[in-house]
C-alpha atoms as a PDB file:
ATOM      1  CA  MET A   1       0.000   0.000   0.000  1.00  0.00           C
ATOM      2  CA  ARG A   2       2.849   2.327   0.938  1.00  0.00           C
ATOM      3  CA  ASN A   3       4.565   1.623  -2.415  1.00  0.00           C
ATOM      4  CA  LEU A   4       1.376   2.491  -4.308  1.00  0.00           C
ATOM      5  CA  ARG A   5       1.060   5.792  -2.391  1.00  0.00           C
ATOM      6  CA  VAL A   6       4.694   6.730  -3.067  1.00  0.00           C
ATOM      7  CA  GLY A   7       4.292   5.838  -6.741  1.00  0.00           C
ATOM      8  CA  ALA A   8       1.176   8.002  -7.027  1.00  0.00           C
ATOM      9  CA  GLU A   9       2.950  10.930  -5.369  1.00  0.00           C
ATOM     10  CA  LYS A  10       5.896  10.632  -7.786  1.00  0.00           C
ATOM     11  CA  THR A  11       3.537  10.461 -10.760  1.00  0.00           C
ATOM     12  CA  ALA A  12       1.661  13.577  -9.585  1.00  0.00           C
ATOM     13  CA  ALA A  13       4.916  15.464  -9.045  1.00  0.00           C
ATOM     14  CA  ALA A  14       6.156  14.496 -12.490  1.00  0.00           C
ATOM     15  CA  CYS A  15       2.891  15.642 -14.064  1.00  0.00           C
ATOM     16  CA  ALA A  16       3.136  18.970 -12.251  1.00  0.00           C
ATOM     17  CA  ILE A  17       6.685  19.502 -13.498  1.00  0.00           C
ATOM     18  CA  VAL A  18       5.660  18.673 -17.071  1.00  0.00           C
ATOM     19  CA  ALA A  19       2.653  21.037 -16.874  1.00  0.00           C
ATOM     20  CA  ALA A  20       4.813  23.855 -15.510  1.00  0.00           C
ATOM     21  CA  SER A  21       7.393  23.299 -18.238  1.00  0.00           C
ATOM     22  CA  ILE A  22       4.702  23.409 -20.927  1.00  0.00           C
ATOM     23  CA  ALA A  23       3.238  26.620 -19.470  1.00  0.00           C
ATOM     24  CA  LEU A  24       6.667  28.253 -19.247  1.00  0.00           C
ATOM     25  CA  ALA A  25       7.541  27.258 -22.803  1.00  0.00           C
ATOM     26  CA  ALA A  26       4.226  28.621 -24.063  1.00  0.00           C
ATOM     27  CA  ALA A  27       4.772  31.898 -22.253  1.00  0.00           C
ATOM     28  CA  GLN A  28       8.298  32.231 -23.615  1.00  0.00           C
ATOM     29  CA  GLN A  29       7.125  31.389 -27.113  1.00  0.00           C
ATOM     30  CA  ASN A  30       4.082  33.666 -27.138  1.00  0.00           C
ATOM     31  CA  ARG A  31       5.299  36.762 -25.322  1.00  0.00           C
ATOM     32  CA  PRO A  32       7.817  38.070 -27.862  1.00  0.00           C
ATOM     33  CA  ALA A  33       5.258  37.850 -30.674  1.00  0.00           C
ATOM     34  CA  SER A  34       2.465  39.564 -28.755  1.00  0.00           C
ATOM     35  CA  ALA A  35       4.708  42.241 -27.195  1.00  0.00           C
ATOM     36  CA  GLU A  36       6.958  42.619 -30.235  1.00  0.00           C
ATOM     37  CA  GLY A  37       8.787  45.941 -30.349  1.00  0.00           C
ATOM     38  CA  ALA A  38       7.783  46.947 -26.826  1.00  0.00           C
ATOM     39  CA  SER A  39      10.276  48.976 -24.813  1.00  0.00           C
ATOM     40  CA  LEU A  40       9.682  48.494 -21.106  1.00  0.00           C
ATOM     41  CA  ARG A  41      11.997  49.562 -18.319  1.00  0.00           C
ATOM     42  CA  LEU A  42      11.901  50.572 -14.685  1.00  0.00           C
ATOM     43  CA  VAL A  43      12.083  54.293 -13.968  1.00  0.00           C
ATOM     44  CA  GLN A  44      12.368  53.971 -10.202  1.00  0.00           C
ATOM     45  CA  GLY A  45      10.302  52.792  -7.246  1.00  0.00           C
ATOM     46  CA  LYS A  46       7.192  51.014  -8.552  1.00  0.00           C
ATOM     47  CA  VAL A  47       6.968  52.965 -11.795  1.00  0.00           C
ATOM     48  CA  SER A  48       8.021  51.816 -15.279  1.00  0.00           C
ATOM     49  CA  ILE A  49       7.859  53.376 -18.755  1.00  0.00           C
ATOM     50  CA  LEU A  50       6.351  51.434 -21.642  1.00  0.00           C
ATOM     51  CA  SER A  51       6.465  52.356 -25.306  1.00  0.00           C
ATOM     52  CA  VAL A  52       5.179  50.289 -28.209  1.00  0.00           C
ATOM     53  CA  PRO A  53       6.032  51.729 -31.652  1.00  0.00           C
ATOM     54  CA  ALA A  54       3.137  52.070 -34.048  1.00  0.00           C
ATOM     55  CA  THR A  55       3.130  50.469 -37.486  1.00  0.00           C
ATOM     56  CA  GLY A  56       5.529  52.333 -39.736  1.00  0.00           C
ATOM     57  CA  GLY A  57       7.802  53.341 -36.855  1.00  0.00           C
ATOM     58  CA  ALA A  58       5.834  56.412 -35.744  1.00  0.00           C
ATOM     59  CA  ASP A  59       6.941  57.858 -32.408  1.00  0.00           C
ATOM     60  CA  PRO A  60       4.408  56.507 -29.872  1.00  0.00           C
ATOM     61  CA  ALA A  61       3.048  58.068 -26.736  1.00  0.00           C
ATOM     62  CA  ASN A  62       4.599  56.732 -23.536  1.00  0.00           C
ATOM     63  CA  VAL A  63       2.564  54.625 -21.122  1.00  0.00           C
ATOM     64  CA  THR A  64       3.509  55.023 -17.457  1.00  0.00           C
ATOM     65  CA  VAL A  65       2.907  51.826 -15.471  1.00  0.00           C
ATOM     66  CA  GLN A  66       2.739  51.489 -11.685  1.00  0.00           C
ATOM     67  CA  THR A  67       2.517  47.949 -10.318  1.00  0.00           C
ATOM     68  CA  GLY A  68       2.071  46.351  -6.908  1.00  0.00           C
ATOM     69  CA  ALA A  69      -0.109  44.043  -4.848  1.00  0.00           C
ATOM     70  CA  ASP A  70      -3.161  46.293  -5.276  1.00  0.00           C
ATOM     71  CA  GLY A  71      -3.096  46.047  -9.058  1.00  0.00           C
ATOM     72  CA  VAL A  72      -1.917  48.072 -12.051  1.00  0.00           C
ATOM     73  CA  VAL A  73      -2.176  51.813 -12.726  1.00  0.00           C
ATOM     74  CA  LEU A  74      -1.709  53.129 -16.270  1.00  0.00           C
ATOM     75  CA  VAL A  75      -1.082  56.729 -17.249  1.00  0.00           C
ATOM     76  CA  ASP A  76      -2.126  57.089 -20.902  1.00  0.00           C
ATOM     77  CA  THR A  77      -2.984  54.123 -23.105  1.00  0.00           C
ATOM     78  CA  GLN A  78      -1.670  54.819 -26.630  1.00  0.00           C
ATOM     79  CA  SER A  79      -4.124  53.939 -29.424  1.00  0.00           C
ATOM     80  CA  ALA A  80      -6.597  51.062 -29.446  1.00  0.00           C
ATOM     81  CA  ASP A  81      -4.683  49.031 -32.049  1.00  0.00           C
ATOM     82  CA  MET A  82      -1.629  48.994 -29.765  1.00  0.00           C
ATOM     83  CA  ALA A  83      -3.554  47.546 -26.799  1.00  0.00           C
ATOM     84  CA  PRO A  84      -2.727  43.824 -27.297  1.00  0.00           C
ATOM     85  CA  ARG A  85       1.019  44.559 -27.346  1.00  0.00           C
ATOM     86  CA  VAL A  86       0.726  47.009 -24.455  1.00  0.00           C
ATOM     87  CA  ILE A  87      -1.071  44.484 -22.220  1.00  0.00           C
ATOM     88  CA  ALA A  88       1.385  41.732 -23.209  1.00  0.00           C
ATOM     89  CA  ALA A  89       4.258  43.906 -22.025  1.00  0.00           C
ATOM     90  CA  ILE A  90       2.398  44.801 -18.814  1.00  0.00           C
ATOM     91  CA  ARG A  91       1.880  41.110 -18.074  1.00  0.00           C
ATOM     92  CA  SER A  92       5.664  40.693 -17.948  1.00  0.00           C
ATOM     93  CA  LEU A  93       5.542  43.015 -14.927  1.00  0.00           C
ATOM     94  CA  SER A  94       2.371  41.960 -13.142  1.00  0.00           C
ATOM     95  CA  PRO A  95      -0.488  39.429 -13.363  1.00  0.00           C
ATOM     96  CA  GLU A  96      -2.741  41.788 -11.402  1.00  0.00           C
ATOM     97  CA  PRO A  97      -5.761  43.534 -12.962  1.00  0.00           C
ATOM     98  CA  VAL A  98      -5.643  47.051 -14.368  1.00  0.00           C
ATOM     99  CA  ARG A  99      -7.579  49.034 -11.761  1.00  0.00           C
ATOM    100  CA  TRP A 100      -6.819  52.671 -12.668  1.00  0.00           C
ATOM    101  CA  ILE A 101      -6.272  54.462 -15.975  1.00  0.00           C
ATOM    102  CA  ILE A 102      -5.306  58.146 -15.937  1.00  0.00           C
ATOM    103  CA  ASP A 103      -5.485  60.258 -19.107  1.00  0.00           C
ATOM    104  CA  THR A 104      -3.118  63.229 -19.269  1.00  0.00           C
ATOM    105  CA  SER A 105      -5.162  64.662 -22.152  1.00  0.00           C
ATOM    106  CA  GLY A 106      -7.937  63.814 -24.582  1.00  0.00           C
ATOM    107  CA  ARG A 107      -5.611  63.232 -27.526  1.00  0.00           C
ATOM    108  CA  PRO A 108      -6.236  59.911 -29.317  1.00  0.00           C
ATOM    109  CA  ASP A 109      -2.649  58.673 -28.931  1.00  0.00           C
ATOM    110  CA  HIS A 110      -2.954  59.121 -25.150  1.00  0.00           C
ATOM    111  CA  MET A 111      -6.468  57.826 -24.441  1.00  0.00           C
ATOM    112  CA  GLY A 112      -7.394  55.815 -27.534  1.00  0.00           C
ATOM    113  CA  GLY A 113      -6.601  52.501 -25.831  1.00  0.00           C
ATOM    114  CA  ASN A 114      -8.730  53.143 -22.730  1.00  0.00           C
ATOM    115  CA  ASP A 115     -11.555  50.721 -23.537  1.00  0.00           C
ATOM    116  CA  ALA A 116      -9.343  48.005 -25.030  1.00  0.00           C
ATOM    117  CA  LEU A 117      -6.938  48.005 -22.070  1.00  0.00           C
ATOM    118  CA  ALA A 118      -9.829  48.115 -19.594  1.00  0.00           C
ATOM    119  CA  ARG A 119     -11.097  44.873 -21.151  1.00  0.00           C
ATOM    120  CA  LEU A 120      -7.742  43.196 -21.801  1.00  0.00           C
ATOM    121  CA  GLY A 121      -6.479  44.177 -18.340  1.00  0.00           C
ATOM    122  CA  ALA A 122      -9.307  42.370 -16.555  1.00  0.00           C
ATOM    123  CA  THR A 123      -8.601  39.227 -14.523  1.00  0.00           C
ATOM    124  CA  PRO A 124     -10.756  37.024 -12.245  1.00  0.00           C
ATOM    125  CA  ALA A 125      -9.679  39.380  -9.435  1.00  0.00           C
ATOM    126  CA  SER A 126     -11.153  42.454 -11.180  1.00  0.00           C
ATOM    127  CA  LEU A 127     -13.916  44.390  -9.448  1.00  0.00           C
ATOM    128  CA  GLY A 128     -15.747  45.806 -12.446  1.00  0.00           C
ATOM    129  CA  ARG A 129     -14.193  48.181 -14.967  1.00  0.00           C
ATOM    130  CA  PRO A 130     -11.138  50.252 -14.041  1.00  0.00           C
ATOM    131  CA  ARG A 131     -11.570  53.826 -12.902  1.00  0.00           C
ATOM    132  CA  ILE A 132     -10.634  56.086 -15.834  1.00  0.00           C
ATOM    133  CA  VAL A 133      -9.510  59.471 -14.509  1.00  0.00           C
ATOM    134  CA  ALA A 134      -9.198  62.745 -16.439  1.00  0.00           C
ATOM    135  CA  HIS A 135     -10.055  66.400 -15.981  1.00  0.00           C
ATOM    136  CA  GLU A 136     -13.671  67.192 -16.839  1.00  0.00           C
ATOM    137  CA  ASN A 137     -12.554  69.298 -19.826  1.00  0.00           C
ATOM    138  CA  VAL A 138     -11.411  66.082 -21.509  1.00  0.00           C
ATOM    139  CA  THR A 139     -14.917  64.671 -21.154  1.00  0.00           C
ATOM    140  CA  HIS A 140     -16.551  67.906 -22.311  1.00  0.00           C
ATOM    141  CA  ARG A 141     -14.505  67.918 -25.516  1.00  0.00           C
ATOM    142  CA  LEU A 142     -15.424  64.306 -26.290  1.00  0.00           C
ATOM    143  CA  VAL A 143     -19.107  65.197 -26.554  1.00  0.00           C
ATOM    144  CA  GLY A 144     -20.060  64.878 -30.193  1.00  0.00           C
ATOM    145  CA  VAL A 145     -16.784  63.169 -31.193  1.00  0.00           C
ATOM    146  CA  THR A 146     -18.110  60.040 -32.876  1.00  0.00           C
ATOM    147  CA  SER A 147     -14.645  58.587 -33.536  1.00  0.00           C
ATOM    148  CA  VAL A 148     -14.142  57.907 -29.804  1.00  0.00           C
ATOM    149  CA  SER A 149     -16.223  55.119 -28.289  1.00  0.00           C
ATOM    150  CA  ARG A 150     -18.223  56.111 -25.215  1.00  0.00           C
ATOM    151  CA  ASP A 151     -16.616  53.131 -23.464  1.00  0.00           C
ATOM    152  CA  ALA A 152     -13.247  54.896 -23.764  1.00  0.00           C
ATOM    153  CA  TRP A 153     -14.473  58.041 -21.998  1.00  0.00           C
ATOM    154  CA  PRO A 154     -13.324  58.865 -18.464  1.00  0.00           C
ATOM    155  CA  ASN A 155     -15.738  57.526 -15.841  1.00  0.00           C
ATOM    156  CA  ASP A 156     -14.092  59.404 -12.958  1.00  0.00           C
ATOM    157  CA  ASP A 157     -13.473  62.967 -14.095  1.00  0.00           C
ATOM    158  CA  PHE A 158     -12.618  65.804 -11.721  1.00  0.00           C
ATOM    159  CA  PHE A 159     -13.143  69.565 -11.780  1.00  0.00           C
ATOM    160  CA  THR A 160     -10.970  70.583  -8.835  1.00  0.00           C
ATOM    161  CA  PRO A 161      -7.297  71.620  -9.217  1.00  0.00           C
ATOM    162  CA  ASP A 162      -6.210  68.079  -8.405  1.00  0.00           C
ATOM    163  CA  LYS A 163      -7.333  64.573  -7.498  1.00  0.00           C
ATOM    164  CA  ASP A 164      -5.413  62.172  -5.292  1.00  0.00           C
ATOM    165  CA  PHE A 165      -5.670  58.576  -4.127  1.00  0.00           C
ATOM    166  CA  PHE A 166      -3.469  55.977  -2.408  1.00  0.00           C
ATOM    167  CA  PHE A 167      -2.551  52.827  -4.315  1.00  0.00           C
ATOM    168  CA  ASN A 168       0.215  50.237  -4.127  1.00  0.00           C
ATOM    169  CA  GLY A 169       1.655  51.889  -1.036  1.00  0.00           C
ATOM    170  CA  GLU A 170       2.005  55.440  -2.357  1.00  0.00           C
ATOM    171  CA  ALA A 171       0.066  58.621  -2.935  1.00  0.00           C
ATOM    172  CA  ILE A 172      -0.816  59.365  -6.569  1.00  0.00           C
ATOM    173  CA  ILE A 173      -1.640  63.002  -7.299  1.00  0.00           C
ATOM    174  CA  VAL A 174      -3.280  64.065 -10.567  1.00  0.00           C
ATOM    175  CA  THR A 175      -2.969  67.830 -11.119  1.00  0.00           C
ATOM    176  CA  HIS A 176      -4.816  69.805 -13.786  1.00  0.00           C
ATOM    177  CA  MET A 177      -2.633  72.054 -15.966  1.00  0.00           C
ATOM    178  CA  PRO A 178      -5.069  74.748 -17.176  1.00  0.00           C
ATOM    179  CA  ALA A 179      -4.662  76.004 -20.746  1.00  0.00           C
ATOM    180  CA  ALA A 180      -1.327  74.278 -21.428  1.00  0.00           C
ATOM    181  CA  THR A 181      -1.249  72.319 -24.708  1.00  0.00           C
ATOM    182  CA  THR A 182      -5.034  71.946 -24.225  1.00  0.00           C
ATOM    183  CA  ASP A 183      -7.451  72.889 -21.450  1.00  0.00           C
ATOM    184  CA  GLY A 184      -7.627  69.271 -20.248  1.00  0.00           C
ATOM    185  CA  ASP A 185      -3.956  68.504 -19.575  1.00  0.00           C
ATOM    186  CA  SER A 186      -2.901  66.861 -16.318  1.00  0.00           C
ATOM    187  CA  ILE A 187       0.359  65.682 -14.808  1.00  0.00           C
ATOM    188  CA  VAL A 188       0.584  62.685 -12.455  1.00  0.00           C
ATOM    189  CA  PHE A 189       2.956  62.501  -9.485  1.00  0.00           C
ATOM    190  CA  PHE A 190       3.812  59.133  -7.899  1.00  0.00           C
ATOM    191  CA  ARG A 191       5.019  60.501  -4.582  1.00  0.00           C
ATOM    192  CA  ARG A 192       6.965  57.639  -3.015  1.00  0.00           C
ATOM    193  CA  SER A 193       8.448  56.474  -6.317  1.00  0.00           C
ATOM    194  CA  ASP A 194       9.292  60.156  -7.026  1.00  0.00           C
ATOM    195  CA  VAL A 195       8.199  60.043 -10.666  1.00  0.00           C
ATOM    196  CA  ILE A 196       6.111  62.572 -12.615  1.00  0.00           C
ATOM    197  CA  SER A 197       4.184  61.528 -15.721  1.00  0.00           C
ATOM    198  CA  ALA A 198       3.903  64.767 -17.697  1.00  0.00           C
ATOM    199  CA  GLY A 199       1.970  63.915 -20.854  1.00  0.00           C
ATOM    200  CA  ASP A 200       2.365  66.304 -23.780  1.00  0.00           C
ATOM    201  CA  VAL A 201       3.064  69.260 -21.489  1.00  0.00           C
ATOM    202  CA  PHE A 202       6.707  68.157 -21.718  1.00  0.00           C
ATOM    203  CA  VAL A 203       8.130  66.374 -24.764  1.00  0.00           C
ATOM    204  CA  PRO A 204      11.943  66.603 -25.139  1.00  0.00           C
ATOM    205  CA  GLY A 205      13.161  67.112 -28.675  1.00  0.00           C
ATOM    206  CA  ARG A 206       9.838  68.551 -29.857  1.00  0.00           C
ATOM    207  CA  TYR A 207       8.168  71.915 -29.789  1.00  0.00           C
ATOM    208  CA  PRO A 208       5.006  71.769 -27.653  1.00  0.00           C
ATOM    209  CA  ALA A 209       1.858  71.049 -29.674  1.00  0.00           C
ATOM    210  CA  ILE A 210      -0.262  73.935 -28.377  1.00  0.00           C
ATOM    211  CA  ASP A 211      -3.830  73.467 -29.605  1.00  0.00           C
ATOM    212  CA  LEU A 212      -5.538  76.856 -29.371  1.00  0.00           C
ATOM    213  CA  ALA A 213      -8.893  75.445 -30.497  1.00  0.00           C
ATOM    214  CA  ALA A 214      -8.768  73.004 -27.568  1.00  0.00           C
ATOM    215  CA  GLY A 215      -8.008  75.730 -25.037  1.00  0.00           C
ATOM    216  CA  GLY A 216      -4.209  75.665 -25.101  1.00  0.00           C
ATOM    217  CA  SER A 217      -1.935  78.698 -24.662  1.00  0.00           C
ATOM    218  CA  VAL A 218       1.768  79.460 -24.517  1.00  0.00           C
ATOM    219  CA  GLN A 219       1.533  81.034 -21.059  1.00  0.00           C
ATOM    220  CA  GLY A 220      -0.396  78.036 -19.734  1.00  0.00           C
ATOM    221  CA  GLU A 221       2.315  75.784 -21.167  1.00  0.00           C
ATOM    222  CA  ILE A 222       5.020  77.761 -19.331  1.00  0.00           C
ATOM    223  CA  ASN A 223       2.951  77.679 -16.133  1.00  0.00           C
ATOM    224  CA  ALA A 224       2.633  73.888 -16.437  1.00  0.00           C
ATOM    225  CA  LEU A 225       6.386  73.472 -16.877  1.00  0.00           C
ATOM    226  CA  ASN A 226       6.934  75.657 -13.817  1.00  0.00           C
ATOM    227  CA  THR A 227       4.565  73.415 -11.856  1.00  0.00           C
ATOM    228  CA  ILE A 228       6.643  70.362 -12.799  1.00  0.00           C
ATOM    229  CA  LEU A 229       9.774  72.194 -11.673  1.00  0.00           C
ATOM    230  CA  HIS A 230       8.097  73.116  -8.387  1.00  0.00           C
ATOM    231  CA  VAL A 231       7.381  69.426  -7.675  1.00  0.00           C
ATOM    232  CA  ALA A 232      10.618  67.905  -8.996  1.00  0.00           C
ATOM    233  CA  VAL A 233      13.649  67.810  -6.715  1.00  0.00           C
ATOM    234  CA  PRO A 234      17.039  67.002  -8.272  1.00  0.00           C
ATOM    235  CA  ALA A 235      19.715  64.907  -6.614  1.00  0.00           C
ATOM    236  CA  LYS A 236      23.453  65.618  -6.651  1.00  0.00           C
ATOM    237  CA  TYR A 237      24.706  68.099  -9.289  1.00  0.00           C
ATOM    238  CA  GLN A 238      21.141  68.617 -10.568  1.00  0.00           C
ATOM    239  CA  GLU A 239      21.019  65.041 -11.885  1.00  0.00           C
ATOM    240  CA  GLY A 240      18.620  62.262 -10.895  1.00  0.00           C
ATOM    241  CA  GLY A 241      16.214  62.769  -8.009  1.00  0.00           C
ATOM    242  CA  THR A 242      12.700  63.141  -9.372  1.00  0.00           C
ATOM    243  CA  TYR A 243      12.346  61.565 -12.806  1.00  0.00           C
ATOM    244  CA  ILE A 244       9.911  62.822 -15.438  1.00  0.00           C
ATOM    245  CA  VAL A 245       8.193  60.561 -17.978  1.00  0.00           C
ATOM    246  CA  PRO A 246       7.332  62.799 -20.961  1.00  0.00           C
ATOM    247  CA  GLY A 247       4.428  62.341 -23.350  1.00  0.00           C
ATOM    248  CA  HIS A 248       6.889  61.019 -25.938  1.00  0.00           C
ATOM    249  CA  GLY A 249      10.578  60.213 -25.765  1.00  0.00           C
ATOM    250  CA  ARG A 250      13.155  59.397 -23.108  1.00  0.00           C
ATOM    251  CA  VAL A 251      12.938  59.607 -19.321  1.00  0.00           C
ATOM    252  CA  CYS A 252      14.217  62.992 -18.089  1.00  0.00           C
ATOM    253  CA  ASP A 253      15.125  64.800 -14.907  1.00  0.00           C
ATOM    254  CA  GLU A 254      14.627  68.360 -13.641  1.00  0.00           C
ATOM    255  CA  ALA A 255      17.522  69.802 -15.663  1.00  0.00           C
ATOM    256  CA  ASP A 256      15.847  68.673 -18.906  1.00  0.00           C
ATOM    257  CA  VAL A 257      12.602  70.412 -17.945  1.00  0.00           C
ATOM    258  CA  VAL A 258      14.499  73.610 -17.066  1.00  0.00           C
ATOM    259  CA  GLU A 259      16.075  73.626 -20.524  1.00  0.00           C
ATOM    260  CA  TYR A 260      12.692  73.030 -22.176  1.00  0.00           C
ATOM    261  CA  ARG A 261      11.003  75.752 -20.107  1.00  0.00           C
ATOM    262  CA  GLU A 262      13.741  78.211 -21.084  1.00  0.00           C
ATOM    263  CA  MET A 263      13.266  77.385 -24.774  1.00  0.00           C
ATOM    264  CA  VAL A 264       9.517  78.049 -24.652  1.00  0.00           C
ATOM    265  CA  THR A 265      10.005  81.225 -22.597  1.00  0.00           C
ATOM    266  CA  VAL A 266      12.691  82.664 -24.891  1.00  0.00           C
ATOM    267  CA  ILE A 267      10.595  82.047 -28.010  1.00  0.00           C
ATOM    268  CA  ARG A 268       7.526  83.540 -26.323  1.00  0.00           C
ATOM    269  CA  ASP A 269       9.514  86.667 -25.425  1.00  0.00           C
ATOM    270  CA  ARG A 270      10.907  87.025 -28.944  1.00  0.00           C
ATOM    271  CA  VAL A 271       7.446  86.751 -30.501  1.00  0.00           C
ATOM    272  CA  LEU A 272       5.996  89.162 -27.935  1.00  0.00           C
ATOM    273  CA  ASP A 273       8.701  91.706 -28.708  1.00  0.00           C
ATOM    274  CA  LEU A 274       7.898  91.492 -32.427  1.00  0.00           C
ATOM    275  CA  ILE A 275       4.180  91.892 -31.696  1.00  0.00           C
ATOM    276  CA  LYS A 276       4.905  95.033 -29.668  1.00  0.00           C
ATOM    277  CA  LYS A 277       6.790  96.400 -32.683  1.00  0.00           C
ATOM    278  CA  GLY A 278       3.698  95.936 -34.829  1.00  0.00           C
ATOM    279  CA  SER A 279       4.836  92.861 -36.766  1.00  0.00           C
ATOM    280  CA  THR A 280       2.231  90.771 -38.551  1.00  0.00           C
ATOM    281  CA  LEU A 281       2.106  86.988 -38.297  1.00  0.00           C
ATOM    282  CA  GLU A 282       3.917  86.600 -41.616  1.00  0.00           C
ATOM    283  CA  GLN A 283       6.602  89.049 -40.511  1.00  0.00           C
ATOM    284  CA  VAL A 284       7.069  87.167 -37.240  1.00  0.00           C
ATOM    285  CA  LYS A 285       7.433  83.876 -39.119  1.00  0.00           C
ATOM    286  CA  ALA A 286       9.927  85.488 -41.501  1.00  0.00           C
ATOM    287  CA  ALA A 287      12.025  86.651 -38.521  1.00  0.00           C
ATOM    288  CA  ARG A 288      12.463  82.973 -37.525  1.00  0.00           C
ATOM    289  CA  PRO A 289      12.394  83.428 -33.731  1.00  0.00           C
ATOM    290  CA  THR A 290      13.017  79.672 -33.302  1.00  0.00           C
ATOM    291  CA  ARG A 291      16.051  79.461 -35.618  1.00  0.00           C
ATOM    292  CA  ASP A 292      18.690  78.616 -32.970  1.00  0.00           C
ATOM    293  CA  TYR A 293      16.394  75.968 -31.433  1.00  0.00           C
ATOM    294  CA  ASP A 294      15.315  74.270 -34.654  1.00  0.00           C
ATOM    295  CA  PRO A 295      18.222  71.778 -34.843  1.00  0.00           C
ATOM    296  CA  GLU A 296      17.175  70.310 -31.481  1.00  0.00           C
ATOM    297  CA  TYR A 297      13.385  70.653 -31.506  1.00  0.00           C
ATOM    298  CA  SER A 298      12.295  70.533 -35.153  1.00  0.00           C
ATOM    299  CA  ARG A 299      12.219  66.762 -35.441  1.00  0.00           C
ATOM    300  CA  ALA A 300       9.843  64.065 -36.668  1.00  0.00           C
ATOM    301  CA  GLY A 301       6.568  64.239 -34.762  1.00  0.00           C
ATOM    302  CA  SER A 302       7.125  67.850 -33.680  1.00  0.00           C
ATOM    303  CA  PRO A 303       5.030  70.780 -34.840  1.00  0.00           C
ATOM    304  CA  THR A 304       6.975  72.656 -37.503  1.00  0.00           C
ATOM    305  CA  PRO A 305       8.752  75.824 -36.330  1.00  0.00           C
ATOM    306  CA  GLU A 306       6.235  77.855 -38.349  1.00  0.00           C
ATOM    307  CA  ALA A 307       3.268  76.089 -36.720  1.00  0.00           C
ATOM    308  CA  PHE A 308       4.712  76.591 -33.244  1.00  0.00           C
ATOM    309  CA  VAL A 309       5.442  80.276 -33.892  1.00  0.00           C
ATOM    310  CA  GLU A 310       1.896  80.757 -35.190  1.00  0.00           C
ATOM    311  CA  ALA A 311       0.435  79.112 -32.070  1.00  0.00           C
ATOM    312  CA  VAL A 312       2.561  81.368 -29.848  1.00  0.00           C
ATOM    313  CA  TYR A 313       1.626  84.462 -31.875  1.00  0.00           C
ATOM    314  CA  ARG A 314      -2.116  83.770 -31.846  1.00  0.00           C
ATOM    315  CA  SER A 315      -1.997  82.844 -28.159  1.00  0.00           C
ATOM    316  CA  LEU A 316      -0.342  86.162 -27.264  1.00  0.00           C
ATOM    317  CA  LYS A 317      -2.715  88.150 -29.472  1.00  0.00           C
ATOM    318  CA  LYS A 318      -5.806  86.845 -27.672  1.00  0.00           C
END
């Protein structure tokens, strides 16, 4: 009888090992295909940056990912067609359900994947759909936009200067940036991890895409950058410390935001000086007030220097 029991135990153990090996092999075989091209790396603390290039190599929006025992928080969701690769990359970090999604703006490349990731991020441990957070101006501007599914809309918008909650052992603070690139921009501060997700308010290597029709302004953009600088604290020699995840591009620190803020401020002042001298829009463009910044900021995905100058001009003339 004892020999039969021992034999059964050995058989069960062998079956378990075989099943685990099959599952591991399947995961190793399937993950690269489903998350192909994904760039995922830790920023610091519990926060990582995820980027999945779009078809054709277009520069994608960054997804900020916070993980822990409570679940997964996403800041921005790229576009809907990227969702399967985004969730595959997230699953390499955590098996937990997506419980919070925060939109830094209403732009399609930042919130287009909301509904898809809410569905794909569900697990048996999910408690209904994730909370999708954004400033109420994002929701207001989606009214009448038929290209965005109602299921992708924020279901937890806020109208106060900020919204905060505690998740995965740290405070998460969502702060509205009025009239920056749009009137619905927000930045997200993960306090214990010491990481700011800035959305399109800060995009190194690009001029800011100020959308006047959506409530953006050059002064609001500068104010938003100053808010980031007020929150960020550098470490030794102005390097490290608080890290900033931009809307697109590499992870940065406070010194990078200072340089970007100075660029926007200098160009604003040049355009304002020309306006005071009576220059027309065409004359301001001809003066090329961005010329010494163009080699660094006039890149693929950026507004053209002429478009940026026009946005600054029209913003200042309001």
